[in-house]
């Protein structure tokens, strides 16, 4: 897949609905898109069961949190499949 196709796939996971980050949510992953000039996009992914309110992206600009958007249903299903297929290792174990 080319960069444009990958970008479109990722954008289908980002809702236009603004998210309200919660202190009770734990960051699941950091997503970075790299281009020829360095990092094009940096975001933290918060992912948990649907009823927790912890399903959103926090996007960064110049190292500071700038935007937060909810995850679409398509994005939720995608990440659920990915994280369900890997063995999660916690620190210290």
C-alpha atoms as a PDB file:
ATOM      1  CA  UNK A   1       0.000   0.000   0.000  1.00  0.00           C
ATOM      2  CA  UNK A   2       1.238   3.476  -0.719  1.00  0.00           C
ATOM      3  CA  UNK A   3       1.399   6.358   1.751  1.00  0.00           C
ATOM      4  CA  UNK A   4      -1.848   7.886   0.506  1.00  0.00           C
ATOM      5  CA  UNK A   5      -3.766   4.616   0.929  1.00  0.00           C
ATOM      6  CA  UNK A   6      -2.347   4.132   4.439  1.00  0.00           C
ATOM      7  CA  UNK A   7      -3.265   7.693   5.376  1.00  0.00           C
ATOM      8  CA  UNK A   8      -6.827   7.255   4.127  1.00  0.00           C
ATOM      9  CA  UNK A   9      -7.167   3.995   6.065  1.00  0.00           C
ATOM     10  CA  UNK A  10      -5.986   5.701   9.255  1.00  0.00           C
ATOM     11  CA  UNK A  11      -8.287   8.685   8.743  1.00  0.00           C
ATOM     12  CA  UNK A  12     -11.287   6.336   8.559  1.00  0.00           C
ATOM     13  CA  UNK A  13     -10.460   5.452  12.181  1.00  0.00           C
ATOM     14  CA  UNK A  14     -10.629   9.069  13.347  1.00  0.00           C
ATOM     15  CA  UNK A  15     -14.076  10.449  14.083  1.00  0.00           C
ATOM     16  CA  UNK A  16     -14.951  14.083  13.510  1.00  0.00           C
ATOM     17  CA  UNK A  17     -16.421  13.950  17.041  1.00  0.00           C
ATOM     18  CA  UNK A  18     -14.260  15.724  19.579  1.00  0.00           C
ATOM     19  CA  UNK A  19     -13.124  13.567  22.498  1.00  0.00           C
ATOM     20  CA  UNK A  20     -12.698  14.653  26.088  1.00  0.00           C
ATOM     21  CA  UNK A  21      -9.534  12.960  27.416  1.00  0.00           C
ATOM     22  CA  UNK A  22     -10.085  11.308  30.787  1.00  0.00           C
ATOM     23  CA  UNK A  23      -7.503  10.995  33.553  1.00  0.00           C
ATOM     24  CA  UNK A  24      -8.738   7.447  34.156  1.00  0.00           C
ATOM     25  CA  UNK A  25      -7.656   6.286  30.678  1.00  0.00           C
ATOM     26  CA  UNK A  26      -4.268   4.734  29.955  1.00  0.00           C
ATOM     27  CA  UNK A  27      -2.376   5.359  26.745  1.00  0.00           C
ATOM     28  CA  UNK A  28      -2.301   2.200  24.634  1.00  0.00           C
ATOM     29  CA  UNK A  29       0.119   3.228  21.883  1.00  0.00           C
ATOM     30  CA  UNK A  30       1.782   6.116  20.103  1.00  0.00           C
ATOM     31  CA  UNK A  31       1.217   6.422  16.371  1.00  0.00           C
ATOM     32  CA  UNK A  32       3.669   8.365  14.227  1.00  0.00           C
ATOM     33  CA  UNK A  33       3.533   8.949  10.496  1.00  0.00           C
ATOM     34  CA  UNK A  34       6.920   9.642   8.975  1.00  0.00           C
ATOM     35  CA  UNK A  35       7.618  11.516   5.778  1.00  0.00           C
ATOM     36  CA  UNK A  36      10.757  12.594   3.986  1.00  0.00           C
ATOM     37  CA  UNK A  37      10.925  15.669   6.253  1.00  0.00           C
ATOM     38  CA  UNK A  38      10.442  13.763   9.518  1.00  0.00           C
ATOM     39  CA  UNK A  39       7.340  13.187  11.607  1.00  0.00           C
ATOM     40  CA  UNK A  40       4.165  14.295   9.837  1.00  0.00           C
ATOM     41  CA  UNK A  41       1.714  13.228  12.527  1.00  0.00           C
ATOM     42  CA  UNK A  42       2.066  12.188  16.144  1.00  0.00           C
ATOM     43  CA  UNK A  43      -0.861  10.819  18.133  1.00  0.00           C
ATOM     44  CA  UNK A  44      -1.477   8.835  21.277  1.00  0.00           C
ATOM     45  CA  UNK A  45      -4.085   6.098  21.050  1.00  0.00           C
ATOM     46  CA  UNK A  46      -6.320   5.396  24.023  1.00  0.00           C
ATOM     47  CA  UNK A  47      -8.165   2.122  23.559  1.00  0.00           C
ATOM     48  CA  UNK A  48     -10.383   0.166  25.961  1.00  0.00           C
ATOM     49  CA  UNK A  49     -13.839  -1.404  26.182  1.00  0.00           C
ATOM     50  CA  UNK A  50     -16.506   0.715  24.500  1.00  0.00           C
ATOM     51  CA  UNK A  51     -18.330   1.676  27.697  1.00  0.00           C
ATOM     52  CA  UNK A  52     -15.248   3.219  29.352  1.00  0.00           C
ATOM     53  CA  UNK A  53     -15.039   6.406  27.265  1.00  0.00           C
ATOM     54  CA  UNK A  54     -11.348   5.583  26.667  1.00  0.00           C
ATOM     55  CA  UNK A  55     -11.432   5.245  22.884  1.00  0.00           C
ATOM     56  CA  UNK A  56      -9.821   8.261  21.284  1.00  0.00           C
ATOM     57  CA  UNK A  57      -6.721   9.789  19.744  1.00  0.00           C
ATOM     58  CA  UNK A  58      -4.798  12.748  21.137  1.00  0.00           C
ATOM     59  CA  UNK A  59      -2.899  14.543  18.367  1.00  0.00           C
ATOM     60  CA  UNK A  60       0.238  16.532  19.032  1.00  0.00           C
ATOM     61  CA  UNK A  61       1.661  19.636  17.424  1.00  0.00           C
ATOM     62  CA  UNK A  62       5.122  20.871  18.412  1.00  0.00           C
ATOM     63  CA  UNK A  63       5.174  18.297  21.204  1.00  0.00           C
ATOM     64  CA  UNK A  64       1.971  19.546  22.848  1.00  0.00           C
ATOM     65  CA  UNK A  65      -1.487  17.974  22.879  1.00  0.00           C
ATOM     66  CA  UNK A  66      -3.529  19.931  20.352  1.00  0.00           C
ATOM     67  CA  UNK A  67      -6.617  17.904  19.369  1.00  0.00           C
ATOM     68  CA  UNK A  68      -8.551  14.895  20.644  1.00  0.00           C
ATOM     69  CA  UNK A  69     -10.943  12.902  18.490  1.00  0.00           C
ATOM     70  CA  UNK A  70     -13.006   9.807  19.155  1.00  0.00           C
ATOM     71  CA  UNK A  71     -12.357   6.533  17.358  1.00  0.00           C
ATOM     72  CA  UNK A  72     -14.896   5.481  14.728  1.00  0.00           C
ATOM     73  CA  UNK A  73     -16.601   2.088  14.931  1.00  0.00           C
ATOM     74  CA  UNK A  74     -14.388   0.928  12.039  1.00  0.00           C
ATOM     75  CA  UNK A  75     -11.329   2.044  13.994  1.00  0.00           C
ATOM     76  CA  UNK A  76     -12.549   0.348  17.157  1.00  0.00           C
ATOM     77  CA  UNK A  77     -13.059  -2.932  15.288  1.00  0.00           C
ATOM     78  CA  UNK A  78      -9.621  -2.623  13.652  1.00  0.00           C
ATOM     79  CA  UNK A  79      -7.735  -2.004  16.890  1.00  0.00           C
ATOM     80  CA  UNK A  80      -9.736  -4.648  18.743  1.00  0.00           C
ATOM     81  CA  UNK A  81      -8.621  -7.180  16.141  1.00  0.00           C
ATOM     82  CA  UNK A  82      -4.979  -6.051  16.305  1.00  0.00           C
ATOM     83  CA  UNK A  83      -4.727  -5.924  20.080  1.00  0.00           C
ATOM     84  CA  UNK A  84      -6.688  -9.139  20.443  1.00  0.00           C
ATOM     85  CA  UNK A  85      -4.134 -10.980  18.297  1.00  0.00           C
ATOM     86  CA  UNK A  86      -1.020  -9.939  20.205  1.00  0.00           C
ATOM     87  CA  UNK A  87       0.231 -11.000  23.594  1.00  0.00           C
ATOM     88  CA  UNK A  88       0.480  -7.859  25.726  1.00  0.00           C
ATOM     89  CA  UNK A  89       3.507  -7.798  27.993  1.00  0.00           C
ATOM     90  CA  UNK A  90       3.410  -5.565  31.039  1.00  0.00           C
ATOM     91  CA  UNK A  91       6.457  -3.835  32.473  1.00  0.00           C
ATOM     92  CA  UNK A  92       8.414  -5.744  35.074  1.00  0.00           C
ATOM     93  CA  UNK A  93       7.260  -9.192  33.925  1.00  0.00           C
END
